[in-house]
Amino acid sequence: ETCASYLQSHGEFSRISQLFQEQGIYQDMPSSGELHTILVVTDANYKAPVADSAAYVAKSHITNISVAPSKLNDGDRLLMWHNKYVTISMDESALRGNIIGHMQFNNATLMEVIKASDGYIYVISDMISTPTSLQDYINGLGEEYSIFKQMVLASGGREFDKANSKVVGIDSN
């Protein structure tokens, strides 16, 4: 059974499933051709997003990578569809293999893991909350702040911090 069909057929996920349906998440899933990891809450823990942020909230609960629980590590980050990261944290019990109730996605505790044919569904205690970055906030300012936006964005620069960057790949050089 696919992630979408599982969520749509189990009543305890009806509210988040409806959000996914309304925001086109289910329609976009098969077209990506990839496996998925979906973070969901039961109806009892669902908090309806403000109308203008519904798409952002829905996309903060899905990623185009199927990650088995055994492959998750403390400090790992998952890039979600809204182009922000969700950080995984584990306490001592989770590090020993007891992840239910001891692993968190941002600040939402893992309650259950469901394996589907196209990925994993992680049932969590709370909706994923990813704070708006300063860059996103400034970019979202209206025309009345155009001079301020231009000054702030012109003064910013990007610097690679090698000492605090995680090596990705086969060679650290």
N, C-alpha and C. Protein backbone atom coordinates (compact mmCIF):
# COMPACT_ATOMS: atom_id res chain seq x y z
N GLU A 1 0.85 -1.18 0.00
CA GLU A 1 0.00 0.00 0.00
C GLU A 1 0.89 1.25 0.00
N THR A 2 0.53 2.24 -0.79
CA THR A 2 1.31 3.47 -0.87
C THR A 2 1.05 4.36 0.35
N CYS A 3 1.93 5.33 0.54
CA CYS A 3 1.75 6.28 1.64
C CYS A 3 0.41 6.99 1.52
N ALA A 4 0.10 7.47 0.33
CA ALA A 4 -1.15 8.20 0.12
C ALA A 4 -2.37 7.34 0.41
N SER A 5 -2.39 6.13 -0.11
CA SER A 5 -3.57 5.28 0.11
C SER A 5 -3.68 4.88 1.58
N TYR A 6 -2.56 4.68 2.26
CA TYR A 6 -2.61 4.36 3.68
C TYR A 6 -3.23 5.52 4.47
N LEU A 7 -2.74 6.71 4.23
CA LEU A 7 -3.26 7.86 4.97
C LEU A 7 -4.73 8.13 4.66
N GLN A 8 -5.12 7.97 3.41
CA GLN A 8 -6.50 8.21 3.02
C GLN A 8 -7.46 7.15 3.55
N SER A 9 -6.96 5.96 3.85
CA SER A 9 -7.84 4.89 4.30
C SER A 9 -7.89 4.72 5.82
N HIS A 10 -7.09 5.49 6.54
CA HIS A 10 -7.09 5.40 8.00
C HIS A 10 -7.63 6.70 8.59
N GLY A 11 -8.80 6.60 9.21
CA GLY A 11 -9.54 7.76 9.71
C GLY A 11 -8.80 8.64 10.70
N GLU A 12 -7.84 8.08 11.44
CA GLU A 12 -7.13 8.89 12.43
C GLU A 12 -6.20 9.93 11.80
N PHE A 13 -6.02 9.84 10.47
CA PHE A 13 -5.19 10.81 9.74
C PHE A 13 -6.03 11.66 8.78
N SER A 14 -7.33 11.72 8.98
CA SER A 14 -8.21 12.38 8.01
C SER A 14 -7.93 13.86 7.84
N ARG A 15 -7.56 14.55 8.91
CA ARG A 15 -7.36 16.00 8.81
C ARG A 15 -6.07 16.34 8.05
N ILE A 16 -4.99 15.67 8.36
CA ILE A 16 -3.75 15.96 7.63
C ILE A 16 -3.84 15.42 6.20
N SER A 17 -4.55 14.33 6.03
CA SER A 17 -4.77 13.78 4.69
C SER A 17 -5.56 14.77 3.83
N GLN A 18 -6.54 15.42 4.44
CA GLN A 18 -7.32 16.43 3.72
C GLN A 18 -6.43 17.62 3.34
N LEU A 19 -5.54 18.02 4.25
CA LEU A 19 -4.59 19.10 3.95
C LEU A 19 -3.72 18.71 2.76
N PHE A 20 -3.19 17.48 2.77
CA PHE A 20 -2.37 17.01 1.66
C PHE A 20 -3.15 17.00 0.35
N GLN A 21 -4.41 16.58 0.41
CA GLN A 21 -5.26 16.55 -0.78
C GLN A 21 -5.49 17.96 -1.32
N GLU A 22 -5.87 18.88 -0.43
CA GLU A 22 -6.17 20.25 -0.83
C GLU A 22 -4.95 20.97 -1.40
N GLN A 23 -3.77 20.66 -0.89
CA GLN A 23 -2.55 21.35 -1.32
C GLN A 23 -1.81 20.63 -2.45
N GLY A 24 -2.39 19.56 -2.98
CA GLY A 24 -1.82 18.88 -4.13
C GLY A 24 -0.64 17.97 -3.83
N ILE A 25 -0.44 17.65 -2.56
CA ILE A 25 0.68 16.79 -2.17
C ILE A 25 0.52 15.40 -2.79
N TYR A 26 -0.67 14.83 -2.68
CA TYR A 26 -0.90 13.49 -3.24
C TYR A 26 -0.71 13.48 -4.75
N GLN A 27 -1.12 14.54 -5.42
CA GLN A 27 -0.99 14.60 -6.87
C GLN A 27 0.48 14.72 -7.27
N ASP A 28 1.29 15.41 -6.47
CA ASP A 28 2.70 15.61 -6.80
C ASP A 28 3.57 14.40 -6.44
N MET A 29 3.12 13.58 -5.53
CA MET A 29 3.93 12.44 -5.09
C MET A 29 4.25 11.46 -6.22
N PRO A 30 3.29 10.94 -6.95
CA PRO A 30 3.61 9.96 -7.99
C PRO A 30 4.43 10.56 -9.13
N SER A 31 4.22 11.83 -9.41
CA SER A 31 4.91 12.45 -10.54
C SER A 31 6.41 12.63 -10.28
N SER A 32 6.81 12.62 -9.02
CA SER A 32 8.23 12.81 -8.73
C SER A 32 9.03 11.55 -9.04
N GLY A 33 8.38 10.40 -9.06
CA GLY A 33 9.05 9.15 -9.37
C GLY A 33 10.01 8.67 -8.30
N GLU A 34 9.90 9.23 -7.12
CA GLU A 34 10.81 8.88 -6.04
C GLU A 34 10.03 8.32 -4.86
N LEU A 35 10.78 7.78 -3.94
CA LEU A 35 10.19 7.33 -2.69
C LEU A 35 10.05 8.52 -1.75
N HIS A 36 9.29 8.35 -0.68
CA HIS A 36 8.99 9.47 0.19
C HIS A 36 9.14 9.12 1.66
N THR A 37 9.36 10.14 2.45
CA THR A 37 9.22 10.06 3.90
C THR A 37 8.20 11.14 4.24
N ILE A 38 7.15 10.73 4.93
CA ILE A 38 6.08 11.65 5.27
C ILE A 38 5.95 11.71 6.79
N LEU A 39 5.85 12.91 7.32
CA LEU A 39 5.62 13.12 8.74
C LEU A 39 4.16 13.52 8.91
N VAL A 40 3.44 12.77 9.74
CA VAL A 40 2.01 13.04 9.93
C VAL A 40 1.66 13.07 11.41
N VAL A 41 0.52 13.68 11.70
CA VAL A 41 -0.04 13.67 13.05
C VAL A 41 -1.44 13.08 12.98
N THR A 42 -1.89 12.53 14.09
CA THR A 42 -3.27 12.05 14.16
C THR A 42 -4.19 13.26 14.25
N ASP A 43 -5.47 13.04 14.04
CA ASP A 43 -6.45 14.12 14.11
C ASP A 43 -6.41 14.83 15.46
N ALA A 44 -6.14 14.10 16.53
CA ALA A 44 -6.11 14.69 17.87
C ALA A 44 -4.98 15.71 18.01
N ASN A 45 -3.91 15.57 17.25
CA ASN A 45 -2.76 16.47 17.34
C ASN A 45 -2.66 17.45 16.17
N TYR A 46 -3.63 17.41 15.29
CA TYR A 46 -3.61 18.28 14.11
C TYR A 46 -3.96 19.71 14.49
N LYS A 47 -3.19 20.65 13.97
CA LYS A 47 -3.48 22.08 14.14
C LYS A 47 -3.58 22.67 12.75
N ALA A 48 -4.76 23.15 12.41
CA ALA A 48 -5.01 23.69 11.08
C ALA A 48 -4.14 24.92 10.83
N PRO A 49 -3.45 24.96 9.70
CA PRO A 49 -2.63 26.12 9.39
C PRO A 49 -3.48 27.30 8.94
N VAL A 50 -2.94 28.50 9.06
CA VAL A 50 -3.58 29.69 8.53
C VAL A 50 -3.68 29.51 7.02
N ALA A 51 -4.76 29.97 6.43
CA ALA A 51 -5.04 29.71 5.01
C ALA A 51 -3.87 30.05 4.09
N ASP A 52 -3.22 31.19 4.30
CA ASP A 52 -2.16 31.57 3.37
C ASP A 52 -0.85 30.81 3.59
N SER A 53 -0.77 30.00 4.64
CA SER A 53 0.44 29.20 4.87
C SER A 53 0.17 27.70 4.74
N ALA A 54 -1.00 27.31 4.28
CA ALA A 54 -1.37 25.90 4.20
C ALA A 54 -0.43 25.10 3.28
N ALA A 55 -0.07 25.66 2.13
CA ALA A 55 0.82 24.95 1.21
C ALA A 55 2.20 24.77 1.84
N TYR A 56 2.69 25.80 2.50
CA TYR A 56 3.99 25.75 3.17
C TYR A 56 3.99 24.69 4.26
N VAL A 57 2.93 24.65 5.06
CA VAL A 57 2.82 23.67 6.15
C VAL A 57 2.73 22.26 5.59
N ALA A 58 1.93 22.06 4.56
CA ALA A 58 1.80 20.73 3.96
C ALA A 58 3.15 20.25 3.42
N LYS A 59 3.86 21.12 2.74
CA LYS A 59 5.16 20.74 2.17
C LYS A 59 6.23 20.54 3.22
N SER A 60 6.01 21.04 4.43
CA SER A 60 6.99 20.85 5.51
C SER A 60 6.91 19.45 6.11
N HIS A 61 5.96 18.64 5.65
CA HIS A 61 5.77 17.29 6.19
C HIS A 61 6.17 16.17 5.23
N ILE A 62 6.80 16.50 4.09
CA ILE A 62 7.16 15.46 3.12
C ILE A 62 8.51 15.76 2.49
N THR A 63 9.26 14.68 2.23
CA THR A 63 10.54 14.79 1.55
C THR A 63 10.67 13.68 0.51
N ASN A 64 11.46 13.93 -0.52
CA ASN A 64 11.66 12.96 -1.59
C ASN A 64 12.81 12.02 -1.29
N ILE A 65 12.78 11.41 -0.16
CA ILE A 65 13.77 10.41 0.19
C ILE A 65 13.09 9.45 1.15
N SER A 66 13.29 8.18 0.93
CA SER A 66 12.72 7.19 1.83
C SER A 66 13.80 6.80 2.84
N VAL A 67 13.59 7.21 4.08
CA VAL A 67 14.59 6.97 5.10
C VAL A 67 14.06 5.98 6.13
N ALA A 68 14.70 4.82 6.18
CA ALA A 68 14.33 3.81 7.18
C ALA A 68 14.75 4.31 8.56
N PRO A 69 14.01 3.94 9.59
CA PRO A 69 14.36 4.38 10.94
C PRO A 69 15.80 4.00 11.33
N SER A 70 16.26 2.86 10.86
CA SER A 70 17.62 2.41 11.20
C SER A 70 18.70 3.28 10.57
N LYS A 71 18.35 4.08 9.57
CA LYS A 71 19.32 4.93 8.88
C LYS A 71 19.35 6.36 9.44
N LEU A 72 18.47 6.66 10.37
CA LEU A 72 18.44 8.00 10.95
C LEU A 72 19.44 8.11 12.09
N ASN A 73 20.12 9.22 12.14
CA ASN A 73 21.12 9.47 13.18
C ASN A 73 20.84 10.80 13.86
N ASP A 74 21.31 10.90 15.08
CA ASP A 74 21.17 12.14 15.83
C ASP A 74 21.87 13.27 15.06
N GLY A 75 21.14 14.35 14.84
CA GLY A 75 21.70 15.50 14.12
C GLY A 75 21.46 15.49 12.63
N ASP A 76 20.96 14.39 12.06
CA ASP A 76 20.65 14.36 10.63
C ASP A 76 19.59 15.41 10.32
N ARG A 77 19.60 15.86 9.08
CA ARG A 77 18.59 16.83 8.64
C ARG A 77 17.96 16.33 7.36
N LEU A 78 16.66 16.46 7.25
CA LEU A 78 15.93 16.08 6.06
C LEU A 78 15.44 17.34 5.35
N LEU A 79 15.74 17.46 4.06
CA LEU A 79 15.26 18.58 3.28
C LEU A 79 13.84 18.28 2.84
N MET A 80 12.90 19.06 3.31
CA MET A 80 11.49 18.85 3.03
C MET A 80 11.10 19.61 1.75
N TRP A 81 9.88 19.38 1.28
CA TRP A 81 9.42 20.00 0.04
C TRP A 81 9.34 21.52 0.12
N HIS A 82 9.31 22.10 1.29
CA HIS A 82 9.25 23.56 1.40
C HIS A 82 10.65 24.18 1.45
N ASN A 83 11.67 23.36 1.11
CA ASN A 83 13.07 23.79 1.02
C ASN A 83 13.66 24.23 2.35
N LYS A 84 13.18 23.67 3.41
CA LYS A 84 13.74 23.88 4.75
C LYS A 84 14.08 22.51 5.31
N TYR A 85 14.94 22.51 6.29
CA TYR A 85 15.37 21.26 6.90
C TYR A 85 14.61 20.97 8.18
N VAL A 86 14.37 19.68 8.40
CA VAL A 86 13.85 19.18 9.67
C VAL A 86 15.00 18.41 10.31
N THR A 87 15.31 18.74 11.55
CA THR A 87 16.44 18.14 12.24
C THR A 87 15.98 16.99 13.12
N ILE A 88 16.72 15.90 13.07
CA ILE A 88 16.43 14.72 13.89
C ILE A 88 17.29 14.77 15.13
N SER A 89 16.65 14.57 16.27
CA SER A 89 17.42 14.49 17.52
C SER A 89 16.98 13.24 18.27
N MET A 90 17.94 12.65 18.95
CA MET A 90 17.71 11.39 19.66
C MET A 90 18.29 11.48 21.07
N ASP A 91 17.57 10.88 22.01
CA ASP A 91 18.13 10.78 23.35
C ASP A 91 18.89 9.45 23.46
N GLU A 92 19.41 9.16 24.63
CA GLU A 92 20.22 7.95 24.83
C GLU A 92 19.45 6.67 24.49
N SER A 93 18.19 6.64 24.85
CA SER A 93 17.37 5.45 24.57
C SER A 93 17.21 5.23 23.07
N ALA A 94 17.02 6.30 22.32
CA ALA A 94 16.90 6.19 20.85
C ALA A 94 18.21 5.72 20.24
N LEU A 95 19.30 6.20 20.76
CA LEU A 95 20.61 5.79 20.24
C LEU A 95 20.86 4.30 20.46
N ARG A 96 20.18 3.71 21.45
CA ARG A 96 20.29 2.27 21.70
C ARG A 96 19.25 1.48 20.91
N GLY A 97 18.42 2.16 20.12
CA GLY A 97 17.47 1.46 19.26
C GLY A 97 16.01 1.62 19.62
N ASN A 98 15.68 2.20 20.74
CA ASN A 98 14.30 2.41 21.15
C ASN A 98 13.85 3.81 20.71
N ILE A 99 13.44 3.93 19.43
CA ILE A 99 13.18 5.26 18.88
C ILE A 99 11.79 5.82 19.21
N ILE A 100 10.80 4.96 19.40
CA ILE A 100 9.44 5.44 19.67
C ILE A 100 9.44 6.20 21.00
N GLY A 101 9.06 7.47 20.93
CA GLY A 101 9.04 8.32 22.10
C GLY A 101 10.38 8.92 22.46
N HIS A 102 11.43 8.55 21.71
CA HIS A 102 12.77 9.02 22.05
C HIS A 102 13.49 9.69 20.88
N MET A 103 12.82 9.80 19.74
CA MET A 103 13.37 10.49 18.57
C MET A 103 12.46 11.67 18.28
N GLN A 104 13.06 12.77 17.85
CA GLN A 104 12.27 13.95 17.51
C GLN A 104 12.62 14.46 16.12
N PHE A 105 11.60 14.98 15.46
CA PHE A 105 11.74 15.69 14.19
C PHE A 105 11.43 17.14 14.52
N ASN A 106 12.45 18.01 14.48
CA ASN A 106 12.39 19.34 15.08
C ASN A 106 11.99 19.12 16.54
N ASN A 107 10.84 19.54 16.97
CA ASN A 107 10.45 19.31 18.37
C ASN A 107 9.26 18.38 18.49
N ALA A 108 8.97 17.61 17.45
CA ALA A 108 7.84 16.68 17.46
C ALA A 108 8.36 15.26 17.72
N THR A 109 7.80 14.62 18.74
CA THR A 109 8.25 13.29 19.16
C THR A 109 7.66 12.20 18.26
N LEU A 110 8.49 11.22 17.92
CA LEU A 110 8.06 10.09 17.10
C LEU A 110 7.15 9.17 17.91
N MET A 111 5.97 8.87 17.35
CA MET A 111 4.99 8.02 18.01
C MET A 111 4.87 6.64 17.37
N GLU A 112 5.08 6.57 16.05
CA GLU A 112 4.90 5.31 15.32
C GLU A 112 5.59 5.42 13.97
N VAL A 113 6.04 4.27 13.43
CA VAL A 113 6.63 4.22 12.09
C VAL A 113 5.83 3.22 11.27
N ILE A 114 5.46 3.63 10.06
CA ILE A 114 4.68 2.77 9.16
C ILE A 114 5.45 2.65 7.85
N LYS A 115 5.73 1.42 7.44
CA LYS A 115 6.41 1.17 6.16
C LYS A 115 5.35 1.02 5.08
N ALA A 116 5.48 1.81 4.03
CA ALA A 116 4.56 1.72 2.88
C ALA A 116 5.37 1.29 1.67
N SER A 117 4.69 0.98 0.58
CA SER A 117 5.38 0.51 -0.62
C SER A 117 6.25 1.58 -1.26
N ASP A 118 5.95 2.84 -1.01
CA ASP A 118 6.71 3.92 -1.61
C ASP A 118 7.43 4.80 -0.58
N GLY A 119 7.65 4.27 0.61
CA GLY A 119 8.40 5.04 1.60
C GLY A 119 7.98 4.75 3.02
N TYR A 120 8.24 5.72 3.88
CA TYR A 120 7.94 5.59 5.30
C TYR A 120 7.02 6.72 5.75
N ILE A 121 6.13 6.37 6.66
CA ILE A 121 5.26 7.34 7.32
C ILE A 121 5.69 7.37 8.78
N TYR A 122 6.06 8.55 9.24
CA TYR A 122 6.42 8.73 10.65
C TYR A 122 5.29 9.51 11.32
N VAL A 123 4.63 8.87 12.28
CA VAL A 123 3.58 9.53 13.04
C VAL A 123 4.26 10.27 14.18
N ILE A 124 4.04 11.58 14.24
CA ILE A 124 4.70 12.41 15.24
C ILE A 124 3.67 13.10 16.13
N SER A 125 4.14 13.65 17.24
CA SER A 125 3.26 14.21 18.25
C SER A 125 2.70 15.58 17.90
N ASP A 126 3.39 16.35 17.09
CA ASP A 126 2.98 17.72 16.77
C ASP A 126 3.27 18.02 15.30
N MET A 127 2.57 19.01 14.80
CA MET A 127 2.82 19.46 13.44
C MET A 127 4.25 20.00 13.37
N ILE A 128 4.90 19.83 12.22
CA ILE A 128 6.25 20.34 12.03
C ILE A 128 6.18 21.87 11.96
N SER A 129 7.05 22.47 12.72
CA SER A 129 7.17 23.92 12.72
C SER A 129 8.59 24.27 12.31
N THR A 130 8.71 24.98 11.20
CA THR A 130 10.02 25.45 10.78
C THR A 130 9.96 26.97 10.76
N PRO A 131 10.76 27.60 11.60
CA PRO A 131 10.72 29.06 11.67
C PRO A 131 11.09 29.69 10.33
N THR A 132 10.54 30.84 10.08
CA THR A 132 10.87 31.59 8.88
C THR A 132 12.27 32.15 9.04
N SER A 133 13.11 31.94 8.06
CA SER A 133 14.48 32.47 8.12
C SER A 133 14.43 33.98 7.92
N LEU A 134 15.47 34.65 8.35
CA LEU A 134 15.57 36.09 8.17
C LEU A 134 15.54 36.45 6.69
N GLN A 135 16.21 35.63 5.87
CA GLN A 135 16.21 35.85 4.42
C GLN A 135 14.79 35.79 3.86
N ASP A 136 14.02 34.77 4.26
CA ASP A 136 12.64 34.64 3.78
C ASP A 136 11.78 35.80 4.26
N TYR A 137 11.99 36.22 5.50
CA TYR A 137 11.21 37.32 6.05
C TYR A 137 11.47 38.61 5.26
N ILE A 138 12.73 38.89 5.02
CA ILE A 138 13.09 40.11 4.28
C ILE A 138 12.56 40.04 2.85
N ASN A 139 12.69 38.87 2.21
CA ASN A 139 12.16 38.73 0.85
C ASN A 139 10.65 38.88 0.81
N GLY A 140 9.97 38.57 1.90
CA GLY A 140 8.52 38.65 1.95
C GLY A 140 7.97 40.03 2.26
N LEU A 141 8.84 40.99 2.57
CA LEU A 141 8.38 42.34 2.85
C LEU A 141 7.79 42.98 1.60
N GLY A 142 6.79 43.82 1.79
CA GLY A 142 6.09 44.46 0.69
C GLY A 142 6.89 45.59 0.04
N GLU A 143 6.27 46.19 -0.95
CA GLU A 143 6.90 47.29 -1.72
C GLU A 143 7.26 48.48 -0.85
N GLU A 144 6.52 48.69 0.23
CA GLU A 144 6.82 49.83 1.10
C GLU A 144 8.18 49.70 1.78
N TYR A 145 8.78 48.51 1.73
CA TYR A 145 10.10 48.26 2.31
C TYR A 145 11.16 48.03 1.24
N SER A 146 10.89 48.43 0.01
CA SER A 146 11.79 48.10 -1.10
C SER A 146 13.20 48.65 -0.91
N ILE A 147 13.34 49.87 -0.42
CA ILE A 147 14.68 50.44 -0.23
C ILE A 147 15.40 49.69 0.87
N PHE A 148 14.70 49.41 1.95
CA PHE A 148 15.29 48.65 3.06
C PHE A 148 15.72 47.26 2.60
N LYS A 149 14.84 46.57 1.88
CA LYS A 149 15.16 45.24 1.35
C LYS A 149 16.41 45.29 0.47
N GLN A 150 16.45 46.26 -0.41
CA GLN A 150 17.58 46.38 -1.33
C GLN A 150 18.88 46.60 -0.56
N MET A 151 18.85 47.45 0.48
CA MET A 151 20.06 47.71 1.27
C MET A 151 20.51 46.46 2.01
N VAL A 152 19.57 45.77 2.65
CA VAL A 152 19.93 44.58 3.43
C VAL A 152 20.45 43.48 2.53
N LEU A 153 19.76 43.21 1.44
CA LEU A 153 20.17 42.13 0.55
C LEU A 153 21.49 42.44 -0.17
N ALA A 154 21.77 43.71 -0.43
CA ALA A 154 23.02 44.09 -1.07
C ALA A 154 24.21 43.95 -0.12
N SER A 155 23.97 44.09 1.17
CA SER A 155 25.07 44.04 2.13
C SER A 155 25.44 42.62 2.53
N GLY A 156 24.58 41.68 2.23
CA GLY A 156 24.84 40.29 2.62
C GLY A 156 25.79 39.60 1.68
N GLY A 157 26.54 38.69 2.23
CA GLY A 157 27.44 37.89 1.42
C GLY A 157 27.42 36.46 1.91
N ARG A 158 27.90 35.57 1.10
CA ARG A 158 27.97 34.17 1.51
C ARG A 158 29.41 33.78 1.72
N GLU A 159 29.63 33.07 2.79
CA GLU A 159 30.97 32.62 3.13
C GLU A 159 30.91 31.15 3.47
N PHE A 160 31.81 30.37 2.89
CA PHE A 160 31.86 28.94 3.17
C PHE A 160 32.62 28.71 4.46
N ASP A 161 31.98 28.05 5.42
CA ASP A 161 32.59 27.77 6.72
C ASP A 161 33.02 26.31 6.75
N LYS A 162 34.22 26.03 6.26
CA LYS A 162 34.71 24.67 6.13
C LYS A 162 34.79 23.96 7.47
N ALA A 163 35.19 24.65 8.52
CA ALA A 163 35.36 24.02 9.84
C ALA A 163 34.04 23.49 10.40
N ASN A 164 32.92 24.14 10.07
CA ASN A 164 31.63 23.73 10.61
C ASN A 164 30.75 23.04 9.57
N SER A 165 31.31 22.65 8.46
CA SER A 165 30.54 21.99 7.41
C SER A 165 30.75 20.48 7.47
N LYS A 166 29.69 19.77 7.21
CA LYS A 166 29.74 18.31 7.20
C LYS A 166 30.22 17.84 5.84
N VAL A 167 31.17 16.93 5.84
CA VAL A 167 31.71 16.39 4.60
C VAL A 167 30.65 15.51 3.95
N VAL A 168 30.40 15.74 2.68
CA VAL A 168 29.46 14.94 1.90
C VAL A 168 30.22 14.39 0.71
N GLY A 169 30.27 13.10 0.58
CA GLY A 169 30.98 12.49 -0.54
C GLY A 169 32.00 11.50 -0.05
N ILE A 170 32.89 11.13 -0.95
CA ILE A 170 33.85 10.08 -0.62
C ILE A 170 35.21 10.60 -0.20
N ASP A 171 35.47 11.89 -0.43
CA ASP A 171 36.78 12.44 -0.15
C ASP A 171 36.62 13.74 0.63
N SER A 172 37.31 13.89 1.74
CA SER A 172 37.16 15.10 2.55
C SER A 172 37.99 16.27 2.05
N ASN A 173 38.80 16.09 1.01
CA ASN A 173 39.64 17.18 0.48
C ASN A 173 38.95 17.96 -0.59
